[in-house]
Amino acid sequence: MTYSYNCLLVNDIGGGVFHVQLNRTKQLNALDQEIWDEIGNVFNKLDTDSNCRVVILSGNGRAFSTGIDLTSFSSSLAMDENLDVARRSRNMLRMIEKMQYSFTLIEKCSKPVIAAIHGYCLGGGIDITSACDIRYCSKETDFSVKEVAVGLAADVGSLNRLPHIIGNHSWLREVALTARHFGAKEALEQGYVSRVFETYDALIAAAKETAKTIATSSPVAVQGTKVVLNYARDHTVDDSLRYVAMWNMSQLQTDDIAESAVAVMTKGPKPNYSKL
């Protein structure tokens, strides 16, 4: 597959790892309609690219993302005054659902996605990173669930995914209702990120190391693990147990299990697993 975009940089860095970078550097990777559409497109393609096993997602330049580019979206928010309220509302609904789906494709991508966050991660940046599987950041990162400050309730993922990520709902409601900024230390304490690094270079190096470790494991096992974890988050334990049993009734028949068992028992290197 080819990956050519105006607002994204996509590189195959080897070993089954792809690096996707938001690339509106002059705008601190603020999200306009073009980059929004490209994010959905690239993760839809990576989902079925057998050369890709893990994705790193970061921002090029000085920030991960400062959130929605309000200037670029002003025309989209202006509804046709010739339409009645019902029809204007239906058009608004379609626009919101389309925007939601672009970020949901990150979550639905069968390949694990590691967010490497630095600089600013505001508003839409939280929406994007909350859809990722693993989140790392550098120590200077400035976070904010920003939408209340610009007059709206966040509607493309933050308020829906954060309650499943962060156990302290009092803290979550505080930062969402006040739009106050918080730093890397607080993000780590509350469980939004799992690791904090001194520098951007150390952040990217660690993301690559984790990605390469994941990419050397069986893609059947890795992708199955992500699918089952996502299902378990939204269902009861009983439902999830039934789901993984149904999932594994076919997946346990993979050759990857026998190859992995031989490597473990002989203390040999990991197998070179077939593409999936």
C-alpha atoms as a PDB file:
ATOM      1  CA  MET A   1       0.000   0.000   0.000  1.00  0.00           C
ATOM      2  CA  THR A   2       1.041   3.594  -0.550  1.00  0.00           C
ATOM      3  CA  TYR A   3       0.582   6.319   2.028  1.00  0.00           C
ATOM      4  CA  SER A   4       0.671   9.842   0.603  1.00  0.00           C
ATOM      5  CA  TYR A   5      -1.037  12.622   2.531  1.00  0.00           C
ATOM      6  CA  ASN A   6      -0.959  16.407   2.782  1.00  0.00           C
ATOM      7  CA  CYS A   7      -1.241  16.552   6.575  1.00  0.00           C
ATOM      8  CA  LEU A   8       0.313  13.261   7.713  1.00  0.00           C
ATOM      9  CA  LEU A   9       3.752  11.703   7.442  1.00  0.00           C
ATOM     10  CA  VAL A  10       3.661   7.906   7.266  1.00  0.00           C
ATOM     11  CA  ASN A  11       6.846   5.840   7.408  1.00  0.00           C
ATOM     12  CA  ASP A  12       7.491   2.120   7.501  1.00  0.00           C
ATOM     13  CA  ILE A  13      10.392   2.065   9.982  1.00  0.00           C
ATOM     14  CA  GLY A  14      10.949  -1.675   9.663  1.00  0.00           C
ATOM     15  CA  GLY A  15      10.118  -4.785  11.617  1.00  0.00           C
ATOM     16  CA  GLY A  16       6.392  -4.362  11.061  1.00  0.00           C
ATOM     17  CA  VAL A  17       6.302  -0.912  12.731  1.00  0.00           C
ATOM     18  CA  PHE A  18       4.751   2.112  11.015  1.00  0.00           C
ATOM     19  CA  HIS A  19       5.153   5.669  12.299  1.00  0.00           C
ATOM     20  CA  VAL A  20       2.291   8.103  11.614  1.00  0.00           C
ATOM     21  CA  GLN A  21       2.928  11.785  12.378  1.00  0.00           C
ATOM     22  CA  LEU A  22       0.433  14.621  12.407  1.00  0.00           C
ATOM     23  CA  ASN A  23       2.060  17.184  10.140  1.00  0.00           C
ATOM     24  CA  ARG A  24       0.512  20.650  10.283  1.00  0.00           C
ATOM     25  CA  THR A  25       3.542  21.984  12.086  1.00  0.00           C
ATOM     26  CA  LYS A  26       2.863  25.699  11.523  1.00  0.00           C
ATOM     27  CA  GLN A  27      -0.541  25.249  13.169  1.00  0.00           C
ATOM     28  CA  LEU A  28       0.869  23.077  15.988  1.00  0.00           C
ATOM     29  CA  ASN A  29      -1.027  20.181  14.394  1.00  0.00           C
ATOM     30  CA  ALA A  30      -4.410  21.803  14.936  1.00  0.00           C
ATOM     31  CA  LEU A  31      -7.093  19.628  13.385  1.00  0.00           C
ATOM     32  CA  ASP A  32      -8.814  20.874  10.253  1.00  0.00           C
ATOM     33  CA  GLN A  33     -11.191  18.841   8.096  1.00  0.00           C
ATOM     34  CA  GLU A  34      -8.404  17.595   5.827  1.00  0.00           C
ATOM     35  CA  ILE A  35      -6.224  16.102   8.551  1.00  0.00           C
ATOM     36  CA  TRP A  36      -9.343  14.743  10.251  1.00  0.00           C
ATOM     37  CA  ASP A  37     -10.270  12.820   7.103  1.00  0.00           C
ATOM     38  CA  GLU A  38      -6.693  11.669   6.554  1.00  0.00           C
ATOM     39  CA  ILE A  39      -6.473  10.201  10.075  1.00  0.00           C
ATOM     40  CA  GLY A  40      -9.494   8.036   9.385  1.00  0.00           C
ATOM     41  CA  ASN A  41      -8.174   7.043   5.977  1.00  0.00           C
ATOM     42  CA  VAL A  42      -4.700   6.029   7.157  1.00  0.00           C
ATOM     43  CA  PHE A  43      -5.916   3.868  10.030  1.00  0.00           C
ATOM     44  CA  ASN A  44      -8.470   2.214   7.795  1.00  0.00           C
ATOM     45  CA  LYS A  45      -5.632   1.266   5.443  1.00  0.00           C
ATOM     46  CA  LEU A  46      -3.192   0.222   8.175  1.00  0.00           C
ATOM     47  CA  ASP A  47      -5.828  -2.121   9.567  1.00  0.00           C
ATOM     48  CA  THR A  48      -5.581  -4.339   6.486  1.00  0.00           C
ATOM     49  CA  ASP A  49      -1.905  -3.786   5.585  1.00  0.00           C
ATOM     50  CA  SER A  50      -0.204  -7.121   6.316  1.00  0.00           C
ATOM     51  CA  ASN A  51       3.189  -5.378   6.431  1.00  0.00           C
ATOM     52  CA  CYS A  52       2.050  -3.403   9.487  1.00  0.00           C
ATOM     53  CA  ARG A  53       1.905  -4.983  12.939  1.00  0.00           C
ATOM     54  CA  VAL A  54       2.146  -1.952  15.244  1.00  0.00           C
ATOM     55  CA  VAL A  55       1.603   1.798  14.759  1.00  0.00           C
ATOM     56  CA  ILE A  56       3.291   4.709  16.539  1.00  0.00           C
ATOM     57  CA  LEU A  57       1.262   7.932  16.402  1.00  0.00           C
ATOM     58  CA  SER A  58       2.945  11.246  17.200  1.00  0.00           C
ATOM     59  CA  GLY A  59       2.969  14.894  16.217  1.00  0.00           C
ATOM     60  CA  ASN A  60       5.671  16.428  14.060  1.00  0.00           C
ATOM     61  CA  GLY A  61       7.097  19.720  15.256  1.00  0.00           C
ATOM     62  CA  ARG A  62       6.508  21.333  18.657  1.00  0.00           C
ATOM     63  CA  ALA A  63       3.239  19.637  19.661  1.00  0.00           C
ATOM     64  CA  PHE A  64       1.162  16.527  19.385  1.00  0.00           C
ATOM     65  CA  SER A  65      -1.954  18.593  18.661  1.00  0.00           C
ATOM     66  CA  THR A  66      -3.557  21.783  19.951  1.00  0.00           C
ATOM     67  CA  GLY A  67      -6.996  20.429  19.064  1.00  0.00           C
ATOM     68  CA  ILE A  68      -9.641  21.537  16.615  1.00  0.00           C
ATOM     69  CA  ASP A  69      -8.813  24.360  14.202  1.00  0.00           C
ATOM     70  CA  LEU A  70     -11.849  26.520  14.920  1.00  0.00           C
ATOM     71  CA  THR A  71     -11.172  28.829  11.989  1.00  0.00           C
ATOM     72  CA  SER A  72     -11.250  26.022   9.464  1.00  0.00           C
ATOM     73  CA  PHE A  73     -14.443  24.560  10.912  1.00  0.00           C
ATOM     74  CA  SER A  74     -16.384  27.818  11.100  1.00  0.00           C
ATOM     75  CA  SER A  75     -17.916  27.293   7.653  1.00  0.00           C
ATOM     76  CA  SER A  76     -18.913  23.719   8.527  1.00  0.00           C
ATOM     77  CA  LEU A  77     -20.711  24.916  11.650  1.00  0.00           C
ATOM     78  CA  ALA A  78     -22.674  27.508   9.692  1.00  0.00           C
ATOM     79  CA  MET A  79     -25.922  25.777   8.773  1.00  0.00           C
ATOM     80  CA  ASP A  80     -28.055  26.621   5.738  1.00  0.00           C
ATOM     81  CA  GLU A  81     -30.637  29.129   6.989  1.00  0.00           C
ATOM     82  CA  ASN A  82     -33.018  28.007   4.244  1.00  0.00           C
ATOM     83  CA  LEU A  83     -33.422  24.662   6.027  1.00  0.00           C
ATOM     84  CA  ASP A  84     -35.665  24.173   9.032  1.00  0.00           C
ATOM     85  CA  VAL A  85     -34.315  23.115  12.419  1.00  0.00           C
ATOM     86  CA  ALA A  86     -34.966  19.412  11.829  1.00  0.00           C
ATOM     87  CA  ARG A  87     -33.004  19.363   8.570  1.00  0.00           C
ATOM     88  CA  ARG A  88     -30.170  21.523   9.867  1.00  0.00           C
ATOM     89  CA  SER A  89     -29.910  19.221  12.884  1.00  0.00           C
ATOM     90  CA  ARG A  90     -29.744  16.103  10.700  1.00  0.00           C
ATOM     91  CA  ASN A  91     -26.872  17.651   8.739  1.00  0.00           C
ATOM     92  CA  MET A  92     -25.089  18.506  11.990  1.00  0.00           C
ATOM     93  CA  LEU A  93     -25.608  14.935  13.224  1.00  0.00           C
ATOM     94  CA  ARG A  94     -24.056  13.510  10.057  1.00  0.00           C
ATOM     95  CA  MET A  95     -21.049  15.805  10.394  1.00  0.00           C
ATOM     96  CA  ILE A  96     -20.450  14.878  14.046  1.00  0.00           C
ATOM     97  CA  GLU A  97     -20.782  11.148  13.371  1.00  0.00           C
ATOM     98  CA  LYS A  98     -18.361  11.379  10.451  1.00  0.00           C
ATOM     99  CA  MET A  99     -15.819  13.145  12.677  1.00  0.00           C
ATOM    100  CA  GLN A 100     -16.313  10.593  15.451  1.00  0.00           C
ATOM    101  CA  TYR A 101     -15.746   7.710  13.071  1.00  0.00           C
ATOM    102  CA  SER A 102     -12.351   9.021  11.918  1.00  0.00           C
ATOM    103  CA  PHE A 103     -10.994   8.659  15.455  1.00  0.00           C
ATOM    104  CA  THR A 104     -12.902   5.443  16.144  1.00  0.00           C
ATOM    105  CA  LEU A 105     -10.931   3.908  13.272  1.00  0.00           C
ATOM    106  CA  ILE A 106      -7.815   4.276  15.473  1.00  0.00           C
ATOM    107  CA  GLU A 107      -9.508   2.146  18.105  1.00  0.00           C
ATOM    108  CA  LYS A 108     -10.931  -0.294  15.556  1.00  0.00           C
ATOM    109  CA  CYS A 109      -7.574  -0.729  13.808  1.00  0.00           C
ATOM    110  CA  SER A 110      -6.538  -4.307  14.579  1.00  0.00           C
ATOM    111  CA  LYS A 111      -2.927  -3.206  15.026  1.00  0.00           C
ATOM    112  CA  PRO A 112      -1.930  -1.799  18.451  1.00  0.00           C
ATOM    113  CA  VAL A 113      -1.454   1.983  18.361  1.00  0.00           C
ATOM    114  CA  ILE A 114       1.106   3.665  20.629  1.00  0.00           C
ATOM    115  CA  ALA A 115       0.597   7.403  21.149  1.00  0.00           C
ATOM    116  CA  ALA A 116       3.883   9.285  21.688  1.00  0.00           C
ATOM    117  CA  ILE A 117       2.713  12.648  23.049  1.00  0.00           C
ATOM    118  CA  HIS A 118       4.749  15.819  23.480  1.00  0.00           C
ATOM    119  CA  GLY A 119       4.296  19.577  23.643  1.00  0.00           C
ATOM    120  CA  TYR A 120       0.555  20.235  23.667  1.00  0.00           C
ATOM    121  CA  CYS A 121      -2.229  17.663  23.715  1.00  0.00           C
ATOM    122  CA  LEU A 122      -5.390  19.723  23.918  1.00  0.00           C
ATOM    123  CA  GLY A 123      -9.032  19.071  23.067  1.00  0.00           C
ATOM    124  CA  GLY A 124      -9.003  16.969  19.928  1.00  0.00           C
ATOM    125  CA  GLY A 125      -5.545  15.726  20.886  1.00  0.00           C
ATOM    126  CA  ILE A 126      -7.141  14.040  23.901  1.00  0.00           C
ATOM    127  CA  ASP A 127      -9.863  12.635  21.619  1.00  0.00           C
ATOM    128  CA  ILE A 128      -7.199  11.066  19.399  1.00  0.00           C
ATOM    129  CA  THR A 129      -4.948   9.702  22.137  1.00  0.00           C
ATOM    130  CA  SER A 130      -7.834   8.275  24.143  1.00  0.00           C
ATOM    131  CA  ALA A 131      -8.538   6.015  21.149  1.00  0.00           C
ATOM    132  CA  CYS A 132      -4.971   4.641  21.257  1.00  0.00           C
ATOM    133  CA  ASP A 133      -3.908   1.473  23.070  1.00  0.00           C
ATOM    134  CA  ILE A 134      -0.785   2.742  24.839  1.00  0.00           C
ATOM    135  CA  ARG A 135       0.068   6.335  25.741  1.00  0.00           C
ATOM    136  CA  TYR A 136       3.547   7.672  26.518  1.00  0.00           C
ATOM    137  CA  CYS A 137       4.502  11.343  26.894  1.00  0.00           C
ATOM    138  CA  SER A 138       7.484  13.597  27.475  1.00  0.00           C
ATOM    139  CA  LYS A 139       7.684  15.466  30.773  1.00  0.00           C
ATOM    140  CA  GLU A 140       6.839  18.912  29.384  1.00  0.00           C
ATOM    141  CA  THR A 141       3.538  17.815  27.818  1.00  0.00           C
ATOM    142  CA  ASP A 142       0.583  20.093  28.532  1.00  0.00           C
ATOM    143  CA  PHE A 143      -2.827  18.356  28.490  1.00  0.00           C
ATOM    144  CA  SER A 144      -6.355  19.739  28.560  1.00  0.00           C
ATOM    145  CA  VAL A 145      -9.875  18.478  27.888  1.00  0.00           C
ATOM    146  CA  LYS A 146     -10.413  21.891  26.339  1.00  0.00           C
ATOM    147  CA  GLU A 147     -13.880  21.850  24.837  1.00  0.00           C
ATOM    148  CA  VAL A 148     -15.795  23.531  27.691  1.00  0.00           C
ATOM    149  CA  ALA A 149     -13.499  26.538  27.323  1.00  0.00           C
ATOM    150  CA  VAL A 150     -14.660  27.010  23.723  1.00  0.00           C
ATOM    151  CA  GLY A 151     -18.347  26.527  24.479  1.00  0.00           C
ATOM    152  CA  LEU A 152     -19.120  22.895  23.714  1.00  0.00           C
ATOM    153  CA  ALA A 153     -19.242  19.447  25.234  1.00  0.00           C
ATOM    154  CA  ALA A 154     -16.533  17.226  23.722  1.00  0.00           C
ATOM    155  CA  ASP A 155     -18.302  15.025  21.190  1.00  0.00           C
ATOM    156  CA  VAL A 156     -15.714  12.948  19.331  1.00  0.00           C
ATOM    157  CA  GLY A 157     -14.395  10.630  22.015  1.00  0.00           C
ATOM    158  CA  SER A 158     -12.900  12.181  25.152  1.00  0.00           C
ATOM    159  CA  LEU A 159     -16.008  12.098  27.343  1.00  0.00           C
ATOM    160  CA  ASN A 160     -16.855   8.609  26.103  1.00  0.00           C
ATOM    161  CA  ARG A 161     -13.464   6.897  26.391  1.00  0.00           C
ATOM    162  CA  LEU A 162     -11.853   8.650  29.357  1.00  0.00           C
ATOM    163  CA  PRO A 163     -14.223   7.093  31.944  1.00  0.00           C
ATOM    164  CA  HIS A 164     -12.959   3.675  30.783  1.00  0.00           C
ATOM    165  CA  ILE A 165      -9.316   4.780  31.059  1.00  0.00           C
ATOM    166  CA  ILE A 166      -9.244   6.819  34.264  1.00  0.00           C
ATOM    167  CA  GLY A 167     -10.546   5.316  37.501  1.00  0.00           C
ATOM    168  CA  ASN A 168     -10.782   8.586  39.449  1.00  0.00           C
ATOM    169  CA  HIS A 169     -14.010  10.053  38.082  1.00  0.00           C
ATOM    170  CA  SER A 170     -13.896  13.021  40.450  1.00  0.00           C
ATOM    171  CA  TRP A 171     -10.587  14.082  38.909  1.00  0.00           C
ATOM    172  CA  LEU A 172     -11.865  13.373  35.407  1.00  0.00           C
ATOM    173  CA  ARG A 173     -14.981  15.485  35.900  1.00  0.00           C
ATOM    174  CA  GLU A 174     -12.897  18.276  37.387  1.00  0.00           C
ATOM    175  CA  VAL A 175     -10.581  18.559  34.383  1.00  0.00           C
ATOM    176  CA  ALA A 176     -13.440  18.114  31.884  1.00  0.00           C
ATOM    177  CA  LEU A 177     -15.748  20.656  33.543  1.00  0.00           C
ATOM    178  CA  THR A 178     -13.057  23.287  34.188  1.00  0.00           C
ATOM    179  CA  ALA A 179     -10.895  22.701  31.072  1.00  0.00           C
ATOM    180  CA  ARG A 180      -7.883  23.268  33.302  1.00  0.00           C
ATOM    181  CA  HIS A 181      -4.495  22.210  32.012  1.00  0.00           C
ATOM    182  CA  PHE A 182      -2.563  19.374  33.639  1.00  0.00           C
ATOM    183  CA  GLY A 183       0.950  18.094  33.147  1.00  0.00           C
ATOM    184  CA  ALA A 184       2.685  14.803  32.494  1.00  0.00           C
ATOM    185  CA  LYS A 185       3.109  13.982  36.196  1.00  0.00           C
ATOM    186  CA  GLU A 186      -0.614  14.310  36.833  1.00  0.00           C
ATOM    187  CA  ALA A 187      -1.466  12.377  33.664  1.00  0.00           C
ATOM    188  CA  LEU A 188       0.759   9.545  34.903  1.00  0.00           C
ATOM    189  CA  GLU A 189      -0.689   9.613  38.424  1.00  0.00           C
ATOM    190  CA  GLN A 190      -4.235   9.381  37.071  1.00  0.00           C
ATOM    191  CA  GLY A 191      -3.390   6.619  34.608  1.00  0.00           C
ATOM    192  CA  TYR A 192      -3.859   8.492  31.350  1.00  0.00           C
ATOM    193  CA  VAL A 193      -0.275   7.738  30.316  1.00  0.00           C
ATOM    194  CA  SER A 194       1.792   4.770  31.403  1.00  0.00           C
ATOM    195  CA  ARG A 195       5.286   6.271  31.079  1.00  0.00           C
ATOM    196  CA  VAL A 196       6.873   9.750  31.098  1.00  0.00           C
ATOM    197  CA  PHE A 197      10.212  10.589  29.480  1.00  0.00           C
ATOM    198  CA  GLU A 198      12.724  13.387  29.970  1.00  0.00           C
ATOM    199  CA  THR A 199      13.007  14.319  26.309  1.00  0.00           C
ATOM    200  CA  TYR A 200      11.176  13.962  23.006  1.00  0.00           C
ATOM    201  CA  ASP A 201      13.979  11.774  21.665  1.00  0.00           C
ATOM    202  CA  ALA A 202      13.729   9.429  24.659  1.00  0.00           C
ATOM    203  CA  LEU A 203       9.955   9.298  24.168  1.00  0.00           C
ATOM    204  CA  ILE A 204      10.196   8.282  20.521  1.00  0.00           C
ATOM    205  CA  ALA A 205      12.969   5.775  21.248  1.00  0.00           C
ATOM    206  CA  ALA A 206      10.849   4.107  23.935  1.00  0.00           C
ATOM    207  CA  ALA A 207       7.781   4.022  21.689  1.00  0.00           C
ATOM    208  CA  LYS A 208       9.848   2.344  18.980  1.00  0.00           C
ATOM    209  CA  GLU A 209      11.282  -0.166  21.444  1.00  0.00           C
ATOM    210  CA  THR A 210       7.816  -1.124  22.708  1.00  0.00           C
ATOM    211  CA  ALA A 211       6.456  -1.289  19.164  1.00  0.00           C
ATOM    212  CA  LYS A 212       9.257  -3.570  18.022  1.00  0.00           C
ATOM    213  CA  THR A 213       8.744  -5.853  21.030  1.00  0.00           C
ATOM    214  CA  ILE A 214       5.043  -6.190  20.200  1.00  0.00           C
ATOM    215  CA  ALA A 215       5.780  -6.649  16.488  1.00  0.00           C
ATOM    216  CA  THR A 216       7.988  -9.687  17.157  1.00  0.00           C
ATOM    217  CA  SER A 217       5.098 -11.577  18.753  1.00  0.00           C
ATOM    218  CA  SER A 218       2.473 -13.563  16.865  1.00  0.00           C
ATOM    219  CA  PRO A 219       0.169 -11.164  14.971  1.00  0.00           C
ATOM    220  CA  VAL A 220      -2.661 -13.626  15.586  1.00  0.00           C
ATOM    221  CA  ALA A 221      -2.097 -13.307  19.341  1.00  0.00           C
ATOM    222  CA  VAL A 222      -1.474  -9.538  19.339  1.00  0.00           C
ATOM    223  CA  GLN A 223      -4.452  -8.579  17.210  1.00  0.00           C
ATOM    224  CA  GLY A 224      -6.692 -11.019  19.044  1.00  0.00           C
ATOM    225  CA  THR A 225      -5.643  -9.525  22.365  1.00  0.00           C
ATOM    226  CA  LYS A 226      -6.574  -6.008  21.223  1.00  0.00           C
ATOM    227  CA  VAL A 227      -9.936  -7.141  19.848  1.00  0.00           C
ATOM    228  CA  VAL A 228     -10.833  -9.005  23.040  1.00  0.00           C
ATOM    229  CA  LEU A 229      -9.714  -6.165  25.337  1.00  0.00           C
ATOM    230  CA  ASN A 230     -11.851  -3.698  23.382  1.00  0.00           C
ATOM    231  CA  TYR A 231     -14.850  -6.022  23.588  1.00  0.00           C
ATOM    232  CA  ALA A 232     -14.345  -6.690  27.303  1.00  0.00           C
ATOM    233  CA  ARG A 233     -14.309  -2.966  28.081  1.00  0.00           C
ATOM    234  CA  ASP A 234     -17.865  -2.564  26.774  1.00  0.00           C
ATOM    235  CA  HIS A 235     -19.443  -5.850  27.948  1.00  0.00           C
ATOM    236  CA  THR A 236     -19.954  -7.986  31.052  1.00  0.00           C
ATOM    237  CA  VAL A 237     -17.388 -10.567  32.111  1.00  0.00           C
ATOM    238  CA  ASP A 238     -19.759 -13.380  31.107  1.00  0.00           C
ATOM    239  CA  ASP A 239     -20.342 -11.866  27.676  1.00  0.00           C
ATOM    240  CA  SER A 240     -16.627 -11.302  27.204  1.00  0.00           C
ATOM    241  CA  LEU A 241     -15.740 -14.863  28.201  1.00  0.00           C
ATOM    242  CA  ARG A 242     -18.213 -16.168  25.637  1.00  0.00           C
ATOM    243  CA  TYR A 243     -16.777 -13.797  23.037  1.00  0.00           C
ATOM    244  CA  VAL A 244     -13.164 -14.871  23.540  1.00  0.00           C
ATOM    245  CA  ALA A 245     -14.203 -18.536  23.435  1.00  0.00           C
ATOM    246  CA  MET A 246     -15.922 -17.946  20.102  1.00  0.00           C
ATOM    247  CA  TRP A 247     -12.914 -15.950  18.882  1.00  0.00           C
ATOM    248  CA  ASN A 248     -10.371 -18.591  19.894  1.00  0.00           C
ATOM    249  CA  MET A 249     -12.267 -21.572  18.525  1.00  0.00           C
ATOM    250  CA  SER A 250     -10.641 -20.649  15.209  1.00  0.00           C
ATOM    251  CA  GLN A 251      -7.591 -18.691  16.338  1.00  0.00           C
ATOM    252  CA  LEU A 252      -6.220 -21.488  18.552  1.00  0.00           C
ATOM    253  CA  GLN A 253      -5.738 -23.519  15.395  1.00  0.00           C
ATOM    254  CA  THR A 254      -2.941 -21.194  14.220  1.00  0.00           C
ATOM    255  CA  ASP A 255       0.543 -22.558  13.534  1.00  0.00           C
ATOM    256  CA  ASP A 256       1.878 -19.654  15.622  1.00  0.00           C
ATOM    257  CA  ILE A 257       1.158 -21.535  18.859  1.00  0.00           C
ATOM    258  CA  ALA A 258       3.272 -24.548  17.971  1.00  0.00           C
ATOM    259  CA  GLU A 259       6.088 -22.330  16.677  1.00  0.00           C
ATOM    260  CA  SER A 260       5.990 -20.242  19.860  1.00  0.00           C
ATOM    261  CA  ALA A 261       5.979 -23.327  22.091  1.00  0.00           C
ATOM    262  CA  VAL A 262       9.082 -24.724  20.382  1.00  0.00           C
ATOM    263  CA  ALA A 263      10.892 -21.394  20.813  1.00  0.00           C
ATOM    264  CA  VAL A 264       9.999 -21.259  24.523  1.00  0.00           C
ATOM    265  CA  MET A 265      10.940 -24.868  25.248  1.00  0.00           C
ATOM    266  CA  THR A 266      14.230 -24.675  23.374  1.00  0.00           C
ATOM    267  CA  LYS A 267      14.973 -21.161  24.651  1.00  0.00           C
ATOM    268  CA  GLY A 268      15.490 -20.184  21.041  1.00  0.00           C
ATOM    269  CA  PRO A 269      14.687 -16.905  19.280  1.00  0.00           C
ATOM    270  CA  LYS A 270      11.112 -15.931  18.538  1.00  0.00           C
ATOM    271  CA  PRO A 271       9.803 -17.420  15.287  1.00  0.00           C
ATOM    272  CA  ASN A 272       9.492 -15.347  12.151  1.00  0.00           C
ATOM    273  CA  TYR A 273       5.702 -15.359  12.127  1.00  0.00           C
ATOM    274  CA  SER A 274       3.810 -15.219   8.851  1.00  0.00           C
ATOM    275  CA  LYS A 275       2.064 -11.996   7.884  1.00  0.00           C
ATOM    276  CA  LEU A 276      -1.577 -11.613   8.798  1.00  0.00           C
END
